[in-house]
Amino acid sequence: MSITISAARYSVLRWSDSFVLFARRVPQTRFIPAVVSNVISPQAQGHVLTLLRRTAHDRQRLAAALQVALPRYQKMVARVAFGPSLQARTDAADSLRSAISCEIRRLIEASTGHGEAGASNDVASRGAQMQHGGRPRVLRPFNP
């Protein structure tokens, strides 16, 4: 019931091009692609109540609500992966759109372990991978 890799990749095609406006208006703007994964508990998604919802979107919303309401589903460690900083000339909106889409798709595949630059399972289980200056960084979960 979780979002599939192909659905995540397809969602990139439906994104707004509002970032192109920023590139045109403020040419020195840098764009940092980011992907957040491992947020909704698979156990919450498999809860019997979610089966009562008709659409995948409604099932996912109910799973998120169950995760907020029931402590047993709250032990998830979200992963955040950042791609390299991108900048485009004011006349290169299409190349910026293409570069961001390509990097987001790469990050989606890497976050599931199917990409060539993904975090190892050891790193992924402890926190999130972040690219900064070409060096991977691990973000550790905050435990109050």
C-alpha atoms as a PDB file:
ATOM      1  CA  MET A   1       0.000   0.000   0.000  1.00  0.00           C
ATOM      2  CA  SER A   2       2.951   2.325   0.220  1.00  0.00           C
ATOM      3  CA  ILE A   3       3.854   4.633  -2.610  1.00  0.00           C
ATOM      4  CA  THR A   4       5.722   2.669  -5.244  1.00  0.00           C
ATOM      5  CA  ILE A   5       8.939   3.843  -6.869  1.00  0.00           C
ATOM      6  CA  SER A   6       7.166   4.211 -10.206  1.00  0.00           C
ATOM      7  CA  ALA A   7       4.393   6.309  -8.615  1.00  0.00           C
ATOM      8  CA  ALA A   8       7.002   8.527  -6.942  1.00  0.00           C
ATOM      9  CA  ARG A   9       8.859   8.934 -10.253  1.00  0.00           C
ATOM     10  CA  TYR A  10       5.589   9.720 -12.044  1.00  0.00           C
ATOM     11  CA  SER A  11       4.688  12.357  -9.446  1.00  0.00           C
ATOM     12  CA  VAL A  12       7.775  14.344 -10.470  1.00  0.00           C
ATOM     13  CA  LEU A  13       6.192  14.858 -13.912  1.00  0.00           C
ATOM     14  CA  ARG A  14       3.199  16.585 -12.309  1.00  0.00           C
ATOM     15  CA  TRP A  15       5.229  19.101 -10.314  1.00  0.00           C
ATOM     16  CA  SER A  16       4.643  22.793 -10.755  1.00  0.00           C
ATOM     17  CA  ASP A  17       7.256  24.743 -12.700  1.00  0.00           C
ATOM     18  CA  SER A  18       7.194  27.582 -10.159  1.00  0.00           C
ATOM     19  CA  PHE A  19      10.927  27.154  -9.517  1.00  0.00           C
ATOM     20  CA  VAL A  20      11.517  28.310 -13.106  1.00  0.00           C
ATOM     21  CA  LEU A  21      10.012  31.681 -12.146  1.00  0.00           C
ATOM     22  CA  PHE A  22      12.592  31.986  -9.356  1.00  0.00           C
ATOM     23  CA  ALA A  23      15.359  31.145 -11.829  1.00  0.00           C
ATOM     24  CA  ARG A  24      14.170  33.875 -14.190  1.00  0.00           C
ATOM     25  CA  ARG A  25      13.571  36.550 -11.546  1.00  0.00           C
ATOM     26  CA  VAL A  26      16.587  35.811  -9.349  1.00  0.00           C
ATOM     27  CA  PRO A  27      19.237  34.216 -11.586  1.00  0.00           C
ATOM     28  CA  GLN A  28      21.667  33.563  -8.738  1.00  0.00           C
ATOM     29  CA  THR A  29      19.137  31.289  -6.985  1.00  0.00           C
ATOM     30  CA  ARG A  30      20.510  27.829  -6.185  1.00  0.00           C
ATOM     31  CA  PHE A  31      18.139  24.850  -6.136  1.00  0.00           C
ATOM     32  CA  ILE A  32      18.772  21.862  -3.884  1.00  0.00           C
ATOM     33  CA  PRO A  33      16.743  18.770  -4.802  1.00  0.00           C
ATOM     34  CA  ALA A  34      15.602  16.786  -1.762  1.00  0.00           C
ATOM     35  CA  VAL A  35      13.642  13.580  -1.206  1.00  0.00           C
ATOM     36  CA  VAL A  36      12.035  12.550   2.076  1.00  0.00           C
ATOM     37  CA  SER A  37      11.305   8.851   2.538  1.00  0.00           C
ATOM     38  CA  ASN A  38      10.425   6.317   5.216  1.00  0.00           C
ATOM     39  CA  VAL A  39       7.794   8.590   6.752  1.00  0.00           C
ATOM     40  CA  ILE A  40       4.581   6.532   6.825  1.00  0.00           C
ATOM     41  CA  SER A  41       4.720   3.274   8.762  1.00  0.00           C
ATOM     42  CA  PRO A  42       4.109   0.169   6.606  1.00  0.00           C
ATOM     43  CA  GLN A  43       2.254  -1.336   9.587  1.00  0.00           C
ATOM     44  CA  ALA A  44      -0.093   1.669   9.698  1.00  0.00           C
ATOM     45  CA  GLN A  45      -0.633   1.341   5.946  1.00  0.00           C
ATOM     46  CA  GLY A  46      -1.596  -2.305   6.440  1.00  0.00           C
ATOM     47  CA  HIS A  47      -4.060  -1.583   9.254  1.00  0.00           C
ATOM     48  CA  VAL A  48      -7.487  -3.118   8.651  1.00  0.00           C
ATOM     49  CA  LEU A  49      -9.190   0.301   8.769  1.00  0.00           C
ATOM     50  CA  THR A  50      -7.214   1.489   5.755  1.00  0.00           C
ATOM     51  CA  LEU A  51      -8.840  -1.267   3.688  1.00  0.00           C
ATOM     52  CA  LEU A  52     -12.168   0.524   4.116  1.00  0.00           C
ATOM     53  CA  ARG A  53     -10.950   3.468   2.039  1.00  0.00           C
ATOM     54  CA  ARG A  54     -11.450   3.264  -1.732  1.00  0.00           C
ATOM     55  CA  THR A  55      -8.615   5.320  -3.167  1.00  0.00           C
ATOM     56  CA  ALA A  56      -4.904   4.895  -2.477  1.00  0.00           C
ATOM     57  CA  HIS A  57      -4.728   8.572  -1.517  1.00  0.00           C
ATOM     58  CA  ASP A  58      -7.457   8.122   1.131  1.00  0.00           C
ATOM     59  CA  ARG A  59      -5.794   4.952   2.459  1.00  0.00           C
ATOM     60  CA  GLN A  60      -2.509   6.801   2.810  1.00  0.00           C
ATOM     61  CA  ARG A  61      -4.166   9.729   4.595  1.00  0.00           C
ATOM     62  CA  LEU A  62      -5.861   7.339   7.028  1.00  0.00           C
ATOM     63  CA  ALA A  63      -2.550   5.512   7.620  1.00  0.00           C
ATOM     64  CA  ALA A  64      -0.915   8.861   8.429  1.00  0.00           C
ATOM     65  CA  ALA A  65      -3.724   9.676  10.872  1.00  0.00           C
ATOM     66  CA  LEU A  66      -3.363   6.260  12.530  1.00  0.00           C
ATOM     67  CA  GLN A  67       0.358   6.832  12.840  1.00  0.00           C
ATOM     68  CA  VAL A  68      -0.241  10.126  14.648  1.00  0.00           C
ATOM     69  CA  ALA A  69      -2.911   8.611  16.915  1.00  0.00           C
ATOM     70  CA  LEU A  70      -1.316   5.267  17.807  1.00  0.00           C
ATOM     71  CA  PRO A  71       2.140   5.191  19.455  1.00  0.00           C
ATOM     72  CA  ARG A  72       2.982   1.720  18.084  1.00  0.00           C
ATOM     73  CA  TYR A  73       3.304   3.254  14.594  1.00  0.00           C
ATOM     74  CA  GLN A  74       5.483   6.185  15.669  1.00  0.00           C
ATOM     75  CA  LYS A  75       8.916   4.549  15.664  1.00  0.00           C
ATOM     76  CA  MET A  76       9.793   5.542  12.095  1.00  0.00           C
ATOM     77  CA  VAL A  77      13.077   7.287  11.305  1.00  0.00           C
ATOM     78  CA  ALA A  78      12.511   9.505   8.282  1.00  0.00           C
ATOM     79  CA  ARG A  79      15.264   9.716   5.685  1.00  0.00           C
ATOM     80  CA  VAL A  80      16.157  12.916   3.852  1.00  0.00           C
ATOM     81  CA  ALA A  81      18.461  12.812   0.830  1.00  0.00           C
ATOM     82  CA  PHE A  82      19.795  15.968  -0.803  1.00  0.00           C
ATOM     83  CA  GLY A  83      21.158  16.242  -4.320  1.00  0.00           C
ATOM     84  CA  PRO A  84      23.800  18.665  -5.523  1.00  0.00           C
ATOM     85  CA  SER A  85      23.018  22.364  -5.695  1.00  0.00           C
ATOM     86  CA  LEU A  86      21.785  23.422  -9.150  1.00  0.00           C
ATOM     87  CA  GLN A  87      21.701  26.811 -10.840  1.00  0.00           C
ATOM     88  CA  ALA A  88      20.397  27.813 -14.267  1.00  0.00           C
ATOM     89  CA  ARG A  89      20.782  30.769 -16.548  1.00  0.00           C
ATOM     90  CA  THR A  90      17.654  32.874 -17.079  1.00  0.00           C
ATOM     91  CA  ASP A  91      17.288  31.524 -20.633  1.00  0.00           C
ATOM     92  CA  ALA A  92      17.709  27.855 -19.651  1.00  0.00           C
ATOM     93  CA  ALA A  93      14.449  27.037 -17.856  1.00  0.00           C
ATOM     94  CA  ASP A  94      14.032  23.735 -19.697  1.00  0.00           C
ATOM     95  CA  SER A  95      17.511  22.553 -18.765  1.00  0.00           C
ATOM     96  CA  LEU A  96      16.871  23.433 -15.094  1.00  0.00           C
ATOM     97  CA  ARG A  97      13.547  21.573 -15.158  1.00  0.00           C
ATOM     98  CA  SER A  98      15.237  18.555 -16.728  1.00  0.00           C
ATOM     99  CA  ALA A  99      18.206  18.610 -14.326  1.00  0.00           C
ATOM    100  CA  ILE A 100      15.992  18.844 -11.237  1.00  0.00           C
ATOM    101  CA  SER A 101      13.638  16.096 -12.466  1.00  0.00           C
ATOM    102  CA  CYS A 102      16.559  13.817 -13.282  1.00  0.00           C
ATOM    103  CA  GLU A 103      18.199  14.382  -9.891  1.00  0.00           C
ATOM    104  CA  ILE A 104      14.930  13.824  -8.007  1.00  0.00           C
ATOM    105  CA  ARG A 105      14.377  10.534  -9.853  1.00  0.00           C
ATOM    106  CA  ARG A 106      17.946   9.498  -8.970  1.00  0.00           C
ATOM    107  CA  LEU A 107      17.375  10.382  -5.313  1.00  0.00           C
ATOM    108  CA  ILE A 108      14.100   8.409  -5.263  1.00  0.00           C
ATOM    109  CA  GLU A 109      15.858   5.316  -6.569  1.00  0.00           C
ATOM    110  CA  ALA A 110      18.824   5.846  -4.238  1.00  0.00           C
ATOM    111  CA  SER A 111      16.521   6.190  -1.215  1.00  0.00           C
ATOM    112  CA  THR A 112      15.079   2.727  -1.893  1.00  0.00           C
ATOM    113  CA  GLY A 113      18.471   1.119  -2.411  1.00  0.00           C
ATOM    114  CA  HIS A 114      17.874   0.597  -6.140  1.00  0.00           C
ATOM    115  CA  GLY A 115      20.097   3.472  -7.267  1.00  0.00           C
ATOM    116  CA  GLU A 116      23.812   3.538  -7.843  1.00  0.00           C
ATOM    117  CA  ALA A 117      24.472   6.288  -5.297  1.00  0.00           C
ATOM    118  CA  GLY A 118      22.135   5.166  -2.505  1.00  0.00           C
ATOM    119  CA  ALA A 119      23.016   4.966   1.130  1.00  0.00           C
ATOM    120  CA  SER A 120      24.126   1.584   2.384  1.00  0.00           C
ATOM    121  CA  ASN A 121      21.607  -0.297   4.500  1.00  0.00           C
ATOM    122  CA  ASP A 122      23.774   0.354   7.570  1.00  0.00           C
ATOM    123  CA  VAL A 123      23.751   4.125   7.040  1.00  0.00           C
ATOM    124  CA  ALA A 124      20.093   4.168   6.012  1.00  0.00           C
ATOM    125  CA  SER A 125      19.044   2.350   9.171  1.00  0.00           C
ATOM    126  CA  ARG A 126      20.783   4.911  11.418  1.00  0.00           C
ATOM    127  CA  GLY A 127      19.718   8.142   9.794  1.00  0.00           C
ATOM    128  CA  ALA A 128      19.524   9.998   6.525  1.00  0.00           C
ATOM    129  CA  GLN A 129      22.090  10.613   3.839  1.00  0.00           C
ATOM    130  CA  MET A 130      22.791  14.155   2.751  1.00  0.00           C
ATOM    131  CA  GLN A 131      25.069  15.238  -0.060  1.00  0.00           C
ATOM    132  CA  HIS A 132      27.110  18.345   0.669  1.00  0.00           C
ATOM    133  CA  GLY A 133      30.033  19.354  -1.461  1.00  0.00           C
ATOM    134  CA  GLY A 134      30.174  15.843  -2.922  1.00  0.00           C
ATOM    135  CA  ARG A 135      30.672  14.253   0.522  1.00  0.00           C
ATOM    136  CA  PRO A 136      27.846  12.160   2.054  1.00  0.00           C
ATOM    137  CA  ARG A 137      26.637  13.344   5.429  1.00  0.00           C
ATOM    138  CA  VAL A 138      24.444  11.409   7.834  1.00  0.00           C
ATOM    139  CA  LEU A 139      21.672  13.162   9.719  1.00  0.00           C
ATOM    140  CA  ARG A 140      21.026  11.414  13.011  1.00  0.00           C
ATOM    141  CA  PRO A 141      17.488  11.292  14.433  1.00  0.00           C
ATOM    142  CA  PHE A 142      16.804  13.583  17.343  1.00  0.00           C
ATOM    143  CA  ASN A 143      15.944  11.651  20.514  1.00  0.00           C
ATOM    144  CA  PRO A 144      14.805  13.981  23.300  1.00  0.00           C
END
